[in-house]
N, C-alpha and C. Protein backbone atom coordinates (compact mmCIF):
# COMPACT_ATOMS: atom_id res chain seq x y z
N UNK A 1 122.93 110.68 126.01
CA UNK A 1 121.58 110.65 125.49
C UNK A 1 121.60 109.94 124.14
N UNK A 2 120.78 108.91 123.95
CA UNK A 2 120.77 108.17 122.68
C UNK A 2 120.18 109.02 121.55
N UNK A 3 120.67 108.77 120.35
CA UNK A 3 120.16 109.44 119.16
C UNK A 3 119.20 108.49 118.46
N UNK A 4 118.00 108.94 118.26
CA UNK A 4 117.01 108.11 117.58
C UNK A 4 117.22 108.23 116.08
N UNK A 5 117.35 107.10 115.40
CA UNK A 5 117.65 107.13 113.97
C UNK A 5 116.47 106.78 113.09
N UNK A 6 115.46 106.21 113.61
CA UNK A 6 114.28 105.92 112.79
C UNK A 6 113.66 104.58 113.15
N UNK A 7 112.46 104.42 112.72
CA UNK A 7 111.72 103.18 112.95
C UNK A 7 111.04 102.77 111.66
N UNK A 8 110.91 101.49 111.48
CA UNK A 8 110.17 100.93 110.36
C UNK A 8 109.23 99.87 110.90
N UNK A 9 108.00 99.93 110.47
CA UNK A 9 107.01 98.93 110.87
C UNK A 9 106.36 98.37 109.61
N UNK A 10 106.01 97.12 109.67
CA UNK A 10 105.29 96.47 108.58
C UNK A 10 103.95 96.03 109.12
N UNK A 11 102.91 96.38 108.42
CA UNK A 11 101.56 96.02 108.83
C UNK A 11 100.87 95.33 107.67
N UNK A 12 100.35 94.18 107.94
CA UNK A 12 99.59 93.43 106.95
C UNK A 12 98.32 92.97 107.65
N UNK A 13 97.18 93.24 107.06
CA UNK A 13 95.94 92.89 107.73
C UNK A 13 94.96 92.26 106.75
N UNK A 14 94.08 91.46 107.31
CA UNK A 14 93.03 90.81 106.55
C UNK A 14 91.69 91.18 107.18
N UNK A 15 90.75 91.56 106.37
CA UNK A 15 89.42 91.90 106.85
C UNK A 15 88.49 90.76 106.45
N UNK A 16 87.92 90.10 107.42
CA UNK A 16 87.00 88.98 107.15
C UNK A 16 85.58 89.54 107.01
N UNK A 17 84.86 89.04 106.02
CA UNK A 17 83.51 89.54 105.76
C UNK A 17 82.71 88.50 105.01
N UNK A 18 81.39 88.70 105.00
CA UNK A 18 80.50 87.87 104.19
C UNK A 18 80.50 88.41 102.78
N UNK A 19 80.29 87.56 101.80
CA UNK A 19 80.44 87.97 100.41
C UNK A 19 79.14 88.46 99.76
N UNK A 20 78.27 89.06 100.51
CA UNK A 20 77.08 89.64 99.90
C UNK A 20 77.45 91.00 99.31
N UNK A 21 76.67 91.47 98.36
CA UNK A 21 76.97 92.74 97.68
C UNK A 21 77.02 93.91 98.66
N UNK A 22 76.09 93.96 99.60
CA UNK A 22 76.07 95.06 100.57
C UNK A 22 77.34 95.06 101.41
N UNK A 23 77.73 93.90 101.88
CA UNK A 23 78.93 93.81 102.70
C UNK A 23 80.16 94.20 101.89
N UNK A 24 80.22 93.78 100.65
CA UNK A 24 81.38 94.07 99.81
C UNK A 24 81.55 95.58 99.61
N UNK A 25 80.47 96.28 99.37
CA UNK A 25 80.55 97.74 99.20
C UNK A 25 81.02 98.42 100.48
N UNK A 26 80.51 97.98 101.62
CA UNK A 26 80.93 98.56 102.89
C UNK A 26 82.40 98.26 103.18
N UNK A 27 82.84 97.06 102.87
CA UNK A 27 84.23 96.67 103.11
C UNK A 27 85.15 97.47 102.20
N UNK A 28 84.80 97.65 100.93
CA UNK A 28 85.63 98.45 100.02
C UNK A 28 85.75 99.88 100.52
N UNK A 29 84.64 100.46 100.99
CA UNK A 29 84.68 101.82 101.51
C UNK A 29 85.56 101.89 102.76
N UNK A 30 85.41 100.94 103.66
CA UNK A 30 86.23 100.89 104.88
C UNK A 30 87.70 100.73 104.53
N UNK A 31 87.99 99.86 103.58
CA UNK A 31 89.36 99.60 103.15
C UNK A 31 89.99 100.87 102.57
N UNK A 32 89.23 101.62 101.77
CA UNK A 32 89.74 102.87 101.20
C UNK A 32 89.99 103.90 102.30
N UNK A 33 89.11 103.98 103.28
CA UNK A 33 89.29 104.93 104.37
C UNK A 33 90.56 104.61 105.16
N UNK A 34 90.79 103.33 105.44
CA UNK A 34 92.00 102.92 106.15
C UNK A 34 93.24 103.26 105.32
N UNK A 35 93.19 102.96 104.05
CA UNK A 35 94.34 103.21 103.17
C UNK A 35 94.65 104.70 103.08
N UNK A 36 93.63 105.53 102.92
CA UNK A 36 93.84 106.98 102.86
C UNK A 36 94.42 107.50 104.17
N UNK A 37 93.91 107.00 105.28
CA UNK A 37 94.42 107.41 106.58
C UNK A 37 95.90 107.07 106.71
N UNK A 38 96.27 105.85 106.33
CA UNK A 38 97.67 105.45 106.42
C UNK A 38 98.56 106.31 105.53
N UNK A 39 98.14 106.56 104.30
CA UNK A 39 98.93 107.40 103.40
C UNK A 39 99.06 108.83 103.90
N UNK A 40 97.99 109.37 104.44
CA UNK A 40 98.02 110.75 104.93
C UNK A 40 98.84 110.90 106.21
N UNK A 41 99.17 109.79 106.85
CA UNK A 41 99.93 109.84 108.09
C UNK A 41 101.31 109.20 107.95
N UNK A 42 101.84 109.22 106.73
CA UNK A 42 103.21 108.78 106.51
C UNK A 42 103.37 107.32 106.15
N UNK A 43 102.28 106.60 105.98
CA UNK A 43 102.36 105.20 105.59
C UNK A 43 102.75 105.05 104.14
N UNK A 44 103.23 103.88 103.79
CA UNK A 44 103.65 103.57 102.43
C UNK A 44 102.97 102.29 101.98
N UNK A 45 102.45 102.30 100.78
CA UNK A 45 101.89 101.08 100.19
C UNK A 45 102.91 100.60 99.17
N UNK A 46 103.51 99.46 99.44
CA UNK A 46 104.63 99.02 98.60
C UNK A 46 104.21 98.25 97.35
N UNK A 47 102.97 97.86 97.24
CA UNK A 47 102.48 97.17 96.04
C UNK A 47 101.21 97.85 95.58
N UNK A 48 101.32 98.95 94.85
CA UNK A 48 100.13 99.72 94.47
C UNK A 48 99.37 99.09 93.31
N UNK A 49 98.50 98.16 93.60
CA UNK A 49 97.64 97.57 92.58
C UNK A 49 96.22 97.57 93.10
N UNK A 50 95.29 97.28 92.21
CA UNK A 50 93.89 97.30 92.60
C UNK A 50 93.45 98.70 92.98
N UNK A 51 92.69 98.81 94.06
CA UNK A 51 92.18 100.12 94.46
C UNK A 51 93.31 101.03 94.95
N UNK A 52 94.42 100.46 95.38
CA UNK A 52 95.54 101.29 95.83
C UNK A 52 96.15 102.06 94.67
N UNK A 53 96.09 101.53 93.47
CA UNK A 53 96.63 102.25 92.31
C UNK A 53 95.92 103.60 92.15
N UNK A 54 94.62 103.64 92.45
CA UNK A 54 93.87 104.88 92.35
C UNK A 54 94.36 105.92 93.36
N UNK A 55 94.91 105.46 94.48
CA UNK A 55 95.41 106.38 95.49
C UNK A 55 96.85 106.80 95.24
N UNK A 56 97.67 105.89 94.72
CA UNK A 56 99.10 106.13 94.60
C UNK A 56 99.47 106.88 93.33
N UNK A 57 99.06 106.39 92.18
CA UNK A 57 99.54 106.94 90.91
C UNK A 57 99.16 108.39 90.65
N UNK A 58 97.95 108.85 90.96
CA UNK A 58 97.65 110.27 90.72
C UNK A 58 98.56 111.21 91.53
N UNK A 59 99.01 110.77 92.69
CA UNK A 59 99.85 111.60 93.55
C UNK A 59 101.34 111.42 93.29
N UNK A 60 101.69 110.48 92.44
CA UNK A 60 103.10 110.19 92.18
C UNK A 60 103.30 109.87 90.70
N UNK A 61 103.16 110.86 89.83
CA UNK A 61 103.28 110.60 88.39
C UNK A 61 104.66 110.12 87.98
N UNK A 62 105.69 110.49 88.72
CA UNK A 62 107.05 110.02 88.41
C UNK A 62 107.15 108.51 88.54
N UNK A 63 106.55 107.96 89.59
CA UNK A 63 106.55 106.51 89.78
C UNK A 63 105.80 105.83 88.65
N UNK A 64 104.67 106.40 88.26
CA UNK A 64 103.86 105.81 87.20
C UNK A 64 104.64 105.78 85.88
N UNK A 65 105.32 106.87 85.55
CA UNK A 65 106.12 106.92 84.32
C UNK A 65 107.27 105.91 84.38
N UNK A 66 107.88 105.79 85.54
CA UNK A 66 108.97 104.83 85.72
C UNK A 66 108.48 103.39 85.49
N UNK A 67 107.32 103.06 86.06
CA UNK A 67 106.76 101.73 85.88
C UNK A 67 106.39 101.47 84.42
N UNK A 68 105.91 102.50 83.72
CA UNK A 68 105.60 102.35 82.30
C UNK A 68 106.87 102.05 81.50
N UNK A 69 107.97 102.70 81.83
CA UNK A 69 109.23 102.44 81.14
C UNK A 69 109.72 101.01 81.38
N UNK A 70 109.63 100.56 82.62
CA UNK A 70 110.03 99.19 82.93
C UNK A 70 109.15 98.19 82.19
N UNK A 71 107.84 98.43 82.20
CA UNK A 71 106.91 97.54 81.50
C UNK A 71 107.25 97.47 80.00
N UNK A 72 107.57 98.61 79.41
CA UNK A 72 107.89 98.64 77.98
C UNK A 72 109.16 97.85 77.68
N UNK A 73 110.14 97.91 78.56
CA UNK A 73 111.39 97.17 78.37
C UNK A 73 111.18 95.66 78.54
N UNK A 74 110.40 95.28 79.54
CA UNK A 74 110.20 93.86 79.83
C UNK A 74 109.13 93.21 78.97
N UNK A 75 108.21 94.01 78.46
CA UNK A 75 107.08 93.49 77.69
C UNK A 75 106.80 94.39 76.48
N UNK A 76 107.71 94.40 75.50
CA UNK A 76 107.54 95.32 74.36
C UNK A 76 106.29 95.06 73.53
N UNK A 77 105.78 93.84 73.55
CA UNK A 77 104.58 93.51 72.77
C UNK A 77 103.29 93.64 73.58
N UNK A 78 103.42 94.07 74.83
CA UNK A 78 102.27 94.29 75.71
C UNK A 78 101.34 93.08 75.80
N UNK A 79 101.95 91.91 76.04
CA UNK A 79 101.15 90.69 76.16
C UNK A 79 100.96 90.26 77.62
N UNK A 80 101.74 90.82 78.53
CA UNK A 80 101.62 90.46 79.95
C UNK A 80 100.67 91.44 80.64
N UNK A 81 99.51 90.95 81.03
CA UNK A 81 98.50 91.76 81.71
C UNK A 81 98.21 93.08 81.00
N UNK A 82 97.81 93.02 79.74
CA UNK A 82 97.54 94.27 79.01
C UNK A 82 96.43 95.07 79.68
N UNK A 83 96.66 96.35 79.79
CA UNK A 83 95.66 97.25 80.36
C UNK A 83 95.66 97.35 81.87
N UNK A 84 96.42 96.51 82.55
CA UNK A 84 96.45 96.58 84.01
C UNK A 84 97.18 97.85 84.43
N UNK A 85 96.58 98.59 85.33
CA UNK A 85 97.14 99.83 85.86
C UNK A 85 97.44 100.85 84.78
N UNK A 86 96.85 100.69 83.62
CA UNK A 86 97.06 101.59 82.49
C UNK A 86 98.53 101.65 82.05
N UNK A 87 99.24 100.56 82.22
CA UNK A 87 100.66 100.54 81.82
C UNK A 87 100.77 100.11 80.38
């Protein structure tokens, strides 16, 4: 009997939409719902920026502190993207 060791899948998707304000709000809401669903079911977001930062960092303060330390080492004068992700 084979022993199952694990699976990894990569999913990248693009949502096509019209750029009117109403459509943009609906798309953002849909995008957040999809993202929350994936996270709640074992999914991983490997680049937490934009709206994903709002989902990832509050639930993983250790990661946020680690990223702040890296940012401080690489950018001690805070000139690279100041204020992004509150780093």
